[in-house]
Amino acid sequence: MEKNQYFKSNLEYMEAWFDFLRLDQSLFSNSSKDKGFKLVQKTKLDRLLKMAKESHKRKIYIPLETLAITYKLSTTEKALLMIFAHSMIYMEGHQRNLVETLAKSQITDFLSAFELIKSNSILVKKRIITHIPREGYKIDKKFIPKVLGVKVEKIPAFKPRATTIIPPNPAGLSQKLSKYVVGQEEAKKVISTSAFIHYKKITLNAKRQKEMKMPKSNILIIGPTGCGKTYLCKMLGNFLKAPVIKTDATQYTETGYVGKTVDDIIFSLYDKLSPSLASKAIIHIDEIDKIAGQNSSIGHNSQRDVSGKSVQEELLKLLEGDIVDLEHRELMGRSTKTFDISKNLFIVSGAFNGLDEIITERIKKRAIGFNVKKSDKEKKNILHQVTKEDLINYGFLPEFIGRFSAIAVMNPLTKEEMIEIISKTKNNIASQTKDILKASGIEADIPEDIIESIAEKAVNSGMGARAARELFEKWTINKIYADSQEPLKRKQMIDKIAS
């Protein structure tokens, strides 16, 4: 037998199972649909079983293999017990995704996995696993040593995973963001400090009685298209070492209607990430202004007056939630699953077209009898004077707006800021373009007038940094294509002279 073709310990055996079942990675990546992935999984499983058999021959004690021989457990049943073992060791809720985990790891098909848990498995008959209401299936206490090889009180033999984010100093976080996000100083201050408070609340709440826990901190960002709302959220996640899941509010409908429901936000989160990562993810819901009620008097007409407000009501349970029970559509009908979303930071954002008119109207009413003149700068930054009352008048429910402890307003980008974004921030568009040109064997300098022209056009388009990237892409395509024509032109000229 070659070196490393058997397990020297139970720990090695369990880690091999965890790797095969992909319990430390996304359980639901698209790679599970690839033929190549299925082949890799089969090879891994064959090797795992072969090594386990060799370990048994060498009389190396592996509790689960001994149990499997005693009760004639199938490979799928052994996999199921390893999922429970991982859940107990790392305190992660895989028992809520048993069917999906087994099916996605390619050990069995979806229907067979479902039947294994619900019907005649030896695991159920011999009470190796038991069902606990609201918690799901777990390894029975008396069988834990026969699966893990340790007593219940000694289960944390693995190093526990840190699931709580330790936030950096707010000013330091804002400074880090400034290397990538130009301007928007007030917004960076509000967002950095609010994120800091959110994670401090998590730490404090862990030591408090239920009735003394502090409410969640959620953030609302207001800003025009292309000002950097999504990018700011992305970089915030990078510096906090938290995954950011972005979704669009316009795709959700009231429960009972065709389309996605807000519950799908959390199901999608746990589909894409392992439970330990999902529990600390930042959830960014964009286009939130599109679920406001109608207000045709100021030109704001969302066309979702009833459905939009219903979606707001359903989002409340997530924004204020701690432990939530969510309904999920499955192959065999509907099921309710429980999630802990107390650590998730929710950020919503939108352009809020027409909100400036509501603010202006409110200010006018309060200024009656006074000769108040606003400067151009004050008119431009009118959104900074937004109140929760304005947002309610825009079409949001008072209780929905009340769930946001911080409102950050982002300004439209100026030409100077756009130039800085294009050419001076870390990993900027100009430097990326230079790398592409250099790799293509083209002179890498980008003329200043090109950068200024692109910046001006991007600002005038009203699409912000997004437009700048599109314009740069267009310029790069033309530059590379024109340069690639030169050798052909020279060849044609030589051929013409030669003939």
Protein backbone atom coordinates (compact mmCIF):
# COMPACT_ATOMS: atom_id res chain seq x y z
CA MET A 1 0.00 0.00 0.00
CA GLU A 2 1.40 3.42 -0.99
CA LYS A 3 2.07 6.15 1.52
CA ASN A 4 -1.03 8.08 2.68
CA GLN A 5 -3.41 5.47 1.25
CA TYR A 6 -5.08 4.89 4.60
CA PHE A 7 -6.29 7.05 7.50
CA LYS A 8 -3.92 7.16 10.45
CA SER A 9 -6.57 8.56 12.76
CA ASN A 10 -10.28 9.19 13.12
CA LEU A 11 -9.58 12.93 12.71
CA GLU A 12 -8.10 12.39 9.22
CA TYR A 13 -11.11 10.24 8.30
CA MET A 14 -13.61 12.90 9.39
CA GLU A 15 -11.76 15.71 7.62
CA ALA A 16 -11.82 13.66 4.39
CA TRP A 17 -15.61 13.34 4.71
CA PHE A 18 -15.99 17.07 5.41
CA ASP A 19 -13.94 17.86 2.30
CA PHE A 20 -15.97 15.46 0.15
CA LEU A 21 -19.28 16.91 1.37
CA ARG A 22 -17.93 20.45 0.80
CA LEU A 23 -19.06 21.52 4.24
CA ASP A 24 -16.35 24.21 4.45
CA GLN A 25 -17.30 25.74 1.12
CA SER A 26 -20.44 26.81 -0.72
CA LEU A 27 -22.70 23.77 -0.81
CA PHE A 28 -24.59 25.05 -3.79
CA SER A 29 -22.08 26.31 -6.34
CA ASN A 30 -22.87 25.85 -10.02
CA SER A 31 -19.89 23.50 -10.32
CA SER A 32 -22.13 20.73 -8.97
CA LYS A 33 -23.85 20.70 -12.37
CA ASP A 34 -20.62 20.07 -14.31
CA LYS A 35 -19.72 16.60 -15.57
CA GLY A 36 -16.14 17.21 -14.50
CA PHE A 37 -17.27 17.99 -10.98
CA LYS A 38 -19.28 14.73 -10.78
CA LEU A 39 -16.21 12.78 -11.86
CA VAL A 40 -14.05 14.47 -9.21
CA GLN A 41 -16.66 13.70 -6.55
CA LYS A 42 -16.82 10.02 -7.56
CA THR A 43 -13.02 9.74 -7.50
CA LYS A 44 -12.89 11.40 -4.07
CA LEU A 45 -15.54 9.08 -2.67
CA ASP A 46 -13.93 5.94 -4.10
CA ARG A 47 -10.58 6.92 -2.60
CA LEU A 48 -12.16 7.77 0.76
CA LEU A 49 -13.90 4.38 0.99
CA LYS A 50 -10.78 2.53 -0.14
CA MET A 51 -8.64 4.29 2.50
CA ALA A 52 -11.24 3.59 5.21
CA LYS A 53 -11.21 -0.10 4.29
CA GLU A 54 -7.40 -0.21 4.47
CA SER A 55 -7.46 1.55 7.86
CA HIS A 56 -9.85 -1.11 9.15
CA LYS A 57 -7.48 -3.84 7.93
CA ARG A 58 -4.65 -2.16 9.81
CA LYS A 59 -6.85 -2.14 12.95
CA ILE A 60 -6.94 1.68 13.16
CA TYR A 61 -10.05 2.52 15.13
CA ILE A 62 -12.52 4.61 13.15
CA PRO A 63 -15.80 4.69 15.13
CA LEU A 64 -18.14 5.36 12.21
CA GLU A 65 -16.72 2.49 10.14
CA THR A 66 -17.20 0.13 13.08
CA LEU A 67 -20.78 1.37 13.50
CA ALA A 68 -21.37 0.97 9.75
CA ILE A 69 -20.28 -2.68 9.88
CA THR A 70 -22.48 -3.37 12.94
CA TYR A 71 -25.64 -1.85 11.45
CA LYS A 72 -24.84 -2.39 7.75
CA LEU A 73 -25.03 1.31 6.96
CA SER A 74 -24.92 2.48 3.36
CA THR A 75 -22.40 5.04 2.13
CA THR A 76 -25.17 7.67 1.99
CA GLU A 77 -26.13 6.96 5.61
CA LYS A 78 -22.49 7.37 6.67
CA ALA A 79 -22.41 10.70 4.78
CA LEU A 80 -25.54 11.80 6.62
CA LEU A 81 -23.92 11.08 10.00
CA MET A 82 -20.84 13.07 8.97
CA ILE A 83 -23.05 16.07 8.19
CA PHE A 84 -24.49 15.83 11.71
CA ALA A 85 -20.98 15.45 13.14
CA HIS A 86 -19.77 18.60 11.36
CA SER A 87 -22.83 20.46 12.58
CA MET A 88 -22.15 19.46 16.19
CA ILE A 89 -18.44 20.26 16.08
CA TYR A 90 -18.75 23.65 14.42
CA MET A 91 -22.25 24.48 15.66
CA GLU A 92 -23.51 25.09 12.14
CA GLY A 93 -27.03 24.35 10.99
CA HIS A 94 -26.46 21.80 8.23
CA GLN A 95 -29.34 19.70 9.56
CA ARG A 96 -31.65 22.23 7.91
CA ASN A 97 -30.15 21.46 4.48
CA LEU A 98 -29.67 17.70 4.69
CA VAL A 99 -31.38 16.80 1.43
CA GLU A 100 -29.65 19.59 -0.50
CA THR A 101 -26.23 18.76 0.94
CA LEU A 102 -26.43 15.08 0.03
CA ALA A 103 -27.75 15.80 -3.45
CA LYS A 104 -25.30 18.60 -4.23
CA SER A 105 -22.29 16.55 -3.17
CA GLN A 106 -23.38 14.05 -5.86
CA ILE A 107 -23.54 11.16 -3.37
CA THR A 108 -27.20 10.57 -4.23
CA ASP A 109 -30.03 12.21 -6.14
CA PHE A 110 -32.45 14.69 -4.56
CA LEU A 111 -35.43 12.35 -4.24
CA SER A 112 -33.40 9.47 -2.77
CA ALA A 113 -31.90 11.83 -0.21
CA PHE A 114 -35.37 13.02 0.76
CA GLU A 115 -36.66 9.45 1.17
CA LEU A 116 -33.61 8.47 3.24
CA ILE A 117 -34.54 10.93 5.97
CA LYS A 118 -38.29 10.53 5.82
CA SER A 119 -38.81 6.77 5.52
CA ASN A 120 -37.05 3.47 6.19
CA SER A 121 -33.43 4.33 6.92
CA ILE A 122 -31.73 2.14 9.53
CA LEU A 123 -30.63 5.43 11.14
CA VAL A 124 -34.25 6.18 12.03
CA LYS A 125 -35.25 2.59 12.84
CA LYS A 126 -32.36 2.06 15.27
CA ARG A 127 -32.73 5.61 16.66
CA ILE A 128 -29.16 6.50 15.71
CA ILE A 129 -30.64 9.85 14.73
CA THR A 130 -33.59 11.48 16.46
CA HIS A 131 -35.86 14.33 15.49
CA ILE A 132 -36.07 17.37 17.79
CA PRO A 133 -38.97 19.80 17.14
CA ARG A 134 -37.84 23.14 15.58
CA GLU A 135 -34.24 21.92 15.49
CA GLY A 136 -34.43 18.99 13.07
CA TYR A 137 -32.55 15.69 13.11
CA LYS A 138 -29.52 15.08 15.32
CA ILE A 139 -27.30 12.17 16.35
CA ASP A 140 -28.82 10.52 19.42
CA LYS A 141 -26.78 11.21 22.56
CA LYS A 142 -25.85 7.59 23.19
CA PHE A 143 -24.56 7.17 19.61
CA ILE A 144 -22.33 10.27 19.60
CA PRO A 145 -19.24 8.36 20.88
CA LYS A 146 -19.89 5.67 18.26
CA VAL A 147 -19.81 8.27 15.47
CA LEU A 148 -17.28 10.85 16.70
CA GLY A 149 -15.25 8.66 19.05
CA VAL A 150 -15.56 11.16 21.91
CA LYS A 151 -18.06 11.80 24.69
CA VAL A 152 -20.58 14.63 24.38
CA GLU A 153 -18.72 16.97 26.74
CA LYS A 154 -15.51 16.56 24.71
CA ILE A 155 -16.96 17.31 21.27
CA PRO A 156 -15.18 20.66 20.63
CA ALA A 157 -11.97 18.84 19.63
CA PHE A 158 -11.74 21.10 16.59
CA LYS A 159 -10.86 24.77 16.83
CA PRO A 160 -14.14 26.75 16.89
CA ARG A 161 -14.65 29.12 14.00
CA ALA A 162 -14.94 32.82 14.65
CA THR A 163 -18.36 33.97 13.43
CA THR A 164 -18.37 37.45 14.99
CA ILE A 165 -16.69 40.30 13.12
CA ILE A 166 -14.41 42.58 15.12
CA PRO A 167 -14.99 46.01 13.55
CA PRO A 168 -12.07 48.38 12.98
CA ASN A 169 -12.00 51.95 14.26
CA PRO A 170 -14.67 53.94 12.30
CA ALA A 171 -12.24 56.68 11.26
CA GLY A 172 -9.70 54.05 10.20
CA LEU A 173 -12.35 52.19 8.20
CA SER A 174 -13.42 55.42 6.48
CA GLN A 175 -9.78 56.14 5.65
CA LYS A 176 -9.40 52.69 4.07
CA LEU A 177 -12.56 53.25 2.03
CA SER A 178 -11.16 56.59 0.80
CA LYS A 179 -8.39 54.77 -1.07
CA TYR A 180 -11.06 53.25 -3.30
CA VAL A 181 -14.08 55.56 -3.00
CA VAL A 182 -13.59 59.21 -4.01
CA GLY A 183 -15.41 61.98 -2.13
CA GLN A 184 -18.63 61.07 -0.27
CA GLU A 185 -16.94 61.89 3.07
CA GLU A 186 -20.20 62.25 4.99
CA ALA A 187 -21.58 58.98 3.62
CA LYS A 188 -18.34 57.12 4.46
CA LYS A 189 -18.44 58.54 7.99
CA VAL A 190 -22.06 57.47 8.55
CA ILE A 191 -21.62 54.00 7.05
CA SER A 192 -18.30 53.25 8.81
CA THR A 193 -19.62 54.33 12.19
CA SER A 194 -22.98 52.57 11.76
CA ALA A 195 -21.22 49.31 10.83
CA PHE A 196 -18.98 49.71 13.90
CA ILE A 197 -22.05 50.18 16.13
CA HIS A 198 -23.81 47.19 14.53
CA TYR A 199 -21.01 44.77 15.39
CA LYS A 200 -20.54 46.24 18.86
CA LYS A 201 -24.24 45.61 19.50
CA ILE A 202 -23.77 41.97 18.49
CA THR A 203 -20.99 41.56 21.08
CA LEU A 204 -23.01 43.28 23.82
CA ASN A 205 -26.25 41.43 22.99
CA ALA A 206 -24.49 38.10 23.41
CA LYS A 207 -24.17 38.89 27.13
CA ARG A 208 -27.64 40.39 27.61
CA GLN A 209 -30.99 38.92 28.54
CA LYS A 210 -33.47 38.64 25.66
CA GLU A 211 -35.63 41.56 26.86
CA MET A 212 -32.51 43.76 27.23
CA LYS A 213 -31.07 43.19 23.75
CA MET A 214 -30.48 46.25 21.59
CA PRO A 215 -32.25 46.51 18.21
CA LYS A 216 -30.40 45.92 14.94
CA SER A 217 -28.63 48.74 13.11
CA ASN A 218 -29.69 48.95 9.47
CA ILE A 219 -28.40 51.50 6.94
CA LEU A 220 -30.28 53.39 4.20
CA ILE A 221 -28.19 54.92 1.38
CA ILE A 222 -29.63 57.61 -0.89
CA GLY A 223 -27.72 58.59 -4.01
CA PRO A 224 -28.02 58.99 -7.79
CA THR A 225 -27.17 56.26 -10.27
CA GLY A 226 -23.43 55.69 -10.67
CA CYS A 227 -22.31 57.52 -7.52
CA GLY A 228 -20.78 54.36 -6.03
CA LYS A 229 -23.43 52.91 -3.69
CA THR A 230 -22.80 49.29 -4.69
CA TYR A 231 -19.02 49.71 -4.80
CA LEU A 232 -18.99 51.30 -1.34
CA CYS A 233 -20.94 48.33 0.09
CA LYS A 234 -18.58 45.90 -1.65
CA MET A 235 -15.46 47.57 -0.24
CA LEU A 236 -17.06 47.80 3.23
CA GLY A 237 -17.50 44.01 3.13
CA ASN A 238 -13.89 43.55 2.01
CA PHE A 239 -12.49 45.54 4.92
CA LEU A 240 -14.83 43.92 7.46
CA LYS A 241 -14.00 40.47 5.97
CA ALA A 242 -17.70 39.83 5.53
CA PRO A 243 -19.29 38.51 2.33
CA VAL A 244 -21.67 40.93 0.62
CA ILE A 245 -24.81 39.56 -1.02
CA LYS A 246 -26.51 42.05 -3.33
CA THR A 247 -30.11 41.75 -4.46
CA ASP A 248 -32.65 43.96 -6.21
CA ALA A 249 -35.86 44.98 -4.42
CA THR A 250 -37.84 45.09 -7.65
CA GLN A 251 -37.83 41.30 -8.08
CA TYR A 252 -39.80 40.61 -4.89
CA THR A 253 -43.58 40.35 -4.73
CA GLU A 254 -46.17 39.95 -2.03
CA THR A 255 -46.47 36.38 -0.67
CA GLY A 256 -49.01 34.45 -2.72
CA TYR A 257 -48.17 36.22 -6.01
CA VAL A 258 -46.01 34.89 -8.83
CA GLY A 259 -42.36 35.81 -8.30
CA LYS A 260 -39.85 35.80 -5.48
CA THR A 261 -40.75 36.65 -1.89
CA VAL A 262 -38.47 38.41 0.59
CA ASP A 263 -37.90 35.04 2.30
CA ASP A 264 -35.88 34.08 -0.78
CA ILE A 265 -33.24 36.66 0.21
CA ILE A 266 -32.23 34.52 3.19
CA PHE A 267 -32.64 31.19 1.39
CA SER A 268 -30.43 32.49 -1.43
CA LEU A 269 -27.87 33.65 1.15
CA TYR A 270 -27.61 30.18 2.69
CA ASP A 271 -27.64 28.58 -0.77
CA LYS A 272 -24.56 30.55 -1.82
CA LEU A 273 -22.57 30.44 1.41
CA SER A 274 -21.77 28.01 4.20
CA PRO A 275 -23.78 28.72 7.39
CA SER A 276 -20.78 30.23 9.22
CA LEU A 277 -20.25 32.78 6.41
CA ALA A 278 -23.96 33.39 5.78
CA SER A 279 -24.56 34.28 9.44
CA LYS A 280 -22.19 37.26 9.25
CA ALA A 281 -22.87 38.42 5.67
CA ILE A 282 -23.84 41.96 4.71
CA ILE A 283 -27.14 41.94 2.79
CA HIS A 284 -27.38 44.81 0.30
CA ILE A 285 -30.85 45.44 -1.17
CA ASP A 286 -30.63 47.92 -4.05
CA GLU A 287 -33.46 49.78 -5.86
CA ILE A 288 -35.34 50.03 -2.56
CA ASP A 289 -37.03 53.22 -3.77
CA LYS A 290 -38.88 51.14 -6.37
CA ILE A 291 -41.08 49.51 -3.69
CA ALA A 292 -42.38 52.85 -2.40
CA GLY A 293 -46.05 53.72 -2.84
CA GLN A 294 -47.18 56.06 -5.61
CA ASN A 295 -46.88 59.82 -5.31
CA SER A 296 -47.85 61.15 -8.70
CA SER A 297 -47.98 64.76 -7.46
CA ILE A 298 -44.17 64.92 -7.49
CA GLY A 299 -43.64 62.69 -10.50
CA HIS A 300 -42.80 59.65 -8.41
CA ASN A 301 -44.91 56.76 -9.62
CA SER A 302 -43.59 53.32 -8.69
CA GLN A 303 -46.59 51.46 -10.17
CA ARG A 304 -46.42 49.22 -7.06
CA ASP A 305 -48.66 51.10 -4.63
CA VAL A 306 -50.24 47.96 -3.15
CA SER A 307 -47.64 45.29 -3.86
CA GLY A 308 -44.74 47.61 -2.99
CA LYS A 309 -46.10 48.39 0.47
CA SER A 310 -46.79 44.71 1.04
CA VAL A 311 -43.15 43.94 0.23
CA GLN A 312 -42.13 46.63 2.74
CA GLU A 313 -44.26 44.93 5.39
CA GLU A 314 -42.66 41.56 4.67
CA LEU A 315 -39.15 43.05 4.77
CA LEU A 316 -39.83 44.25 8.32
CA LYS A 317 -39.35 40.75 9.74
CA LEU A 318 -35.82 40.69 8.29
CA LEU A 319 -34.88 44.23 9.27
CA GLU A 320 -35.95 43.77 12.88
CA GLY A 321 -35.51 39.99 13.03
CA ASP A 322 -33.41 37.86 15.31
CA ILE A 323 -34.56 34.25 14.89
CA VAL A 324 -37.00 34.02 11.98
CA ASP A 325 -39.12 31.20 10.57
CA LEU A 326 -39.27 31.44 6.78
CA GLU A 327 -41.36 29.51 4.29
CA HIS A 328 -39.64 27.84 1.35
CA ARG A 329 -41.02 26.19 -1.79
CA GLU A 330 -39.57 22.72 -2.29
CA LEU A 331 -40.02 19.78 -4.65
CA MET A 332 -42.35 18.06 -2.21
CA GLY A 333 -44.34 21.19 -1.29
CA ARG A 334 -43.55 23.91 1.23
CA SER A 335 -41.45 23.80 4.36
CA THR A 336 -40.60 26.21 7.15
CA LYS A 337 -36.98 26.71 8.17
CA THR A 338 -35.50 28.67 11.06
CA PHE A 339 -32.62 31.12 10.60
CA ASP A 340 -30.63 33.33 12.95
CA ILE A 341 -30.19 36.69 11.18
CA SER A 342 -29.26 38.70 14.27
CA LYS A 343 -25.69 39.24 13.04
CA ASN A 344 -26.52 40.22 9.44
CA LEU A 345 -26.07 43.89 8.58
CA PHE A 346 -28.80 45.07 6.20
CA ILE A 347 -28.03 47.96 3.82
CA VAL A 348 -30.70 49.26 1.43
CA SER A 349 -30.08 51.82 -1.28
CA GLY A 350 -31.76 53.68 -4.11
CA ALA A 351 -31.70 56.78 -6.31
CA PHE A 352 -35.01 58.14 -4.89
CA ASN A 353 -35.93 60.24 -7.93
CA GLY A 354 -38.38 62.96 -6.88
CA LEU A 355 -37.38 62.94 -3.21
CA ASP A 356 -35.67 66.32 -3.64
CA GLU A 357 -39.04 67.87 -4.58
CA ILE A 358 -40.65 66.57 -1.38
CA ILE A 359 -37.80 68.04 0.70
CA THR A 360 -37.99 71.37 -1.15
CA GLU A 361 -41.76 71.56 -0.60
CA ARG A 362 -41.36 70.88 3.13
CA ILE A 363 -38.68 73.55 3.47
CA LYS A 364 -40.84 76.07 1.57
CA LYS A 365 -43.80 75.52 3.91
CA ARG A 366 -41.65 76.08 6.99
CA ALA A 367 -40.06 79.18 5.46
CA ILE A 368 -43.36 81.00 4.78
CA GLY A 369 -43.04 84.63 5.89
CA PHE A 370 -39.26 84.62 5.61
CA ASN A 371 -37.25 85.83 2.64
CA VAL A 372 -34.99 82.79 2.41
CA LYS A 373 -32.73 82.37 -0.61
CA LYS A 374 -30.88 79.14 -1.22
CA SER A 375 -27.45 79.08 -2.83
CA ASP A 376 -26.79 76.82 -5.82
CA LYS A 377 -24.72 74.54 -3.56
CA GLU A 378 -27.57 74.23 -1.03
CA LYS A 379 -30.03 73.43 -3.84
CA LYS A 380 -27.65 70.81 -5.20
CA ASN A 381 -27.24 69.15 -1.81
CA ILE A 382 -30.92 69.29 -0.87
CA LEU A 383 -30.99 65.50 -0.23
CA HIS A 384 -28.70 66.00 2.78
CA GLN A 385 -31.67 67.65 4.50
CA VAL A 386 -33.84 64.55 4.17
CA THR A 387 -35.89 63.48 7.19
CA LYS A 388 -37.79 60.29 7.90
CA GLU A 389 -40.97 62.30 7.40
CA ASP A 390 -39.87 63.00 3.79
CA LEU A 391 -39.30 59.30 3.17
CA ILE A 392 -42.75 58.47 4.55
CA ASN A 393 -44.25 61.07 2.20
CA TYR A 394 -42.26 59.47 -0.62
CA GLY A 395 -44.28 56.28 -0.11
CA PHE A 396 -42.68 54.27 2.68
CA LEU A 397 -44.40 52.88 5.74
CA PRO A 398 -43.45 54.67 9.00
CA GLU A 399 -42.55 51.35 10.64
CA PHE A 400 -40.32 50.44 7.65
CA ILE A 401 -38.37 53.71 7.75
CA GLY A 402 -38.19 53.42 11.53
CA ARG A 403 -36.00 50.30 11.17
CA PHE A 404 -33.10 52.37 9.79
CA SER A 405 -30.88 53.89 12.43
CA ALA A 406 -28.65 55.61 9.87
CA ILE A 407 -29.30 57.44 6.59
CA ALA A 408 -26.30 58.13 4.36
CA VAL A 409 -26.63 60.51 1.40
CA MET A 410 -24.22 60.29 -1.52
CA ASN A 411 -23.65 63.18 -3.93
CA PRO A 412 -23.54 63.16 -7.74
CA LEU A 413 -19.93 62.94 -8.88
CA THR A 414 -18.16 66.08 -10.17
CA LYS A 415 -15.79 66.06 -13.15
CA GLU A 416 -12.78 66.36 -10.81
CA GLU A 417 -13.98 63.42 -8.70
CA MET A 418 -14.60 61.39 -11.84
CA ILE A 419 -11.03 62.03 -13.04
CA GLU A 420 -9.73 60.89 -9.65
CA ILE A 421 -11.89 57.74 -9.79
CA ILE A 422 -10.68 56.97 -13.31
CA SER A 423 -6.96 57.59 -12.78
CA LYS A 424 -5.93 57.95 -9.11
CA THR A 425 -7.80 55.51 -6.84
CA LYS A 426 -6.44 52.04 -6.11
CA ASN A 427 -7.15 49.56 -8.90
CA ASN A 428 -8.57 52.39 -11.06
CA ILE A 429 -9.96 52.01 -14.57
CA ALA A 430 -6.99 53.72 -16.26
CA SER A 431 -4.43 51.40 -14.62
CA GLN A 432 -6.51 48.36 -15.57
CA THR A 433 -6.68 49.60 -19.16
CA LYS A 434 -2.88 50.18 -19.21
CA ASP A 435 -2.33 46.59 -18.08
CA ILE A 436 -4.58 45.32 -20.89
CA LEU A 437 -2.77 47.47 -23.47
CA LYS A 438 0.67 46.43 -22.18
CA ALA A 439 -0.31 42.75 -22.31
CA SER A 440 -1.43 43.34 -25.90
CA GLY A 441 1.96 44.85 -26.81
CA ILE A 442 0.59 48.38 -27.16
CA GLU A 443 2.08 51.62 -25.80
CA ALA A 444 0.50 51.89 -22.37
CA ASP A 445 0.26 55.68 -21.86
CA ILE A 446 -3.28 57.10 -21.86
CA PRO A 447 -3.39 60.81 -22.82
CA GLU A 448 -4.73 63.20 -20.15
CA ASP A 449 -7.19 64.72 -22.61
CA ILE A 450 -8.75 61.26 -23.13
CA ILE A 451 -9.24 60.85 -19.37
CA GLU A 452 -10.75 64.35 -19.06
CA SER A 453 -13.06 63.79 -22.02
CA ILE A 454 -14.30 60.47 -20.65
CA ALA A 455 -14.82 62.03 -17.19
CA GLU A 456 -16.85 64.90 -18.62
CA LYS A 457 -19.02 62.63 -20.76
CA ALA A 458 -19.64 60.29 -17.81
CA VAL A 459 -20.76 63.16 -15.56
CA ASN A 460 -23.03 64.62 -18.26
CA SER A 461 -24.60 61.20 -18.91
CA GLY A 462 -26.01 61.05 -15.37
CA MET A 463 -24.79 57.43 -15.08
CA GLY A 464 -21.66 58.24 -13.06
CA ALA A 465 -18.73 55.85 -12.75
CA ARG A 466 -20.65 53.14 -14.58
CA ALA A 467 -20.67 55.31 -17.72
CA ALA A 468 -16.93 56.04 -17.32
CA ARG A 469 -16.14 52.33 -17.39
CA GLU A 470 -18.30 51.81 -20.49
CA LEU A 471 -16.63 54.75 -22.26
CA PHE A 472 -13.18 53.43 -21.35
CA GLU A 473 -14.13 49.98 -22.65
CA LYS A 474 -15.23 51.57 -25.94
CA TRP A 475 -11.98 53.56 -26.20
CA THR A 476 -9.89 50.45 -25.40
CA ILE A 477 -11.68 48.39 -28.06
CA ASN A 478 -11.04 51.06 -30.70
CA LYS A 479 -7.40 51.47 -29.61
CA ILE A 480 -6.58 47.74 -29.64
CA TYR A 481 -8.37 47.15 -32.93
CA ALA A 482 -6.70 50.13 -34.63
CA ASP A 483 -3.29 49.01 -33.38
CA SER A 484 -3.89 45.44 -34.56
CA GLN A 485 -4.53 46.78 -38.08
CA GLU A 486 -1.05 48.31 -38.40
CA PRO A 487 0.83 45.04 -39.18
CA LEU A 488 -1.82 44.18 -41.78
CA LYS A 489 -1.48 47.60 -43.42
CA ARG A 490 2.33 47.27 -43.50
CA LYS A 491 2.04 43.80 -45.01
CA GLN A 492 -0.38 45.05 -47.67
CA MET A 493 2.02 47.91 -48.52
CA ILE A 494 5.00 45.53 -48.77
CA ASP A 495 2.99 43.13 -50.93
CA LYS A 496 1.95 46.03 -53.17
CA ILE A 497 5.56 47.21 -53.57
CA ALA A 498 6.76 43.66 -54.21
CA SER A 499 4.18 43.12 -56.93
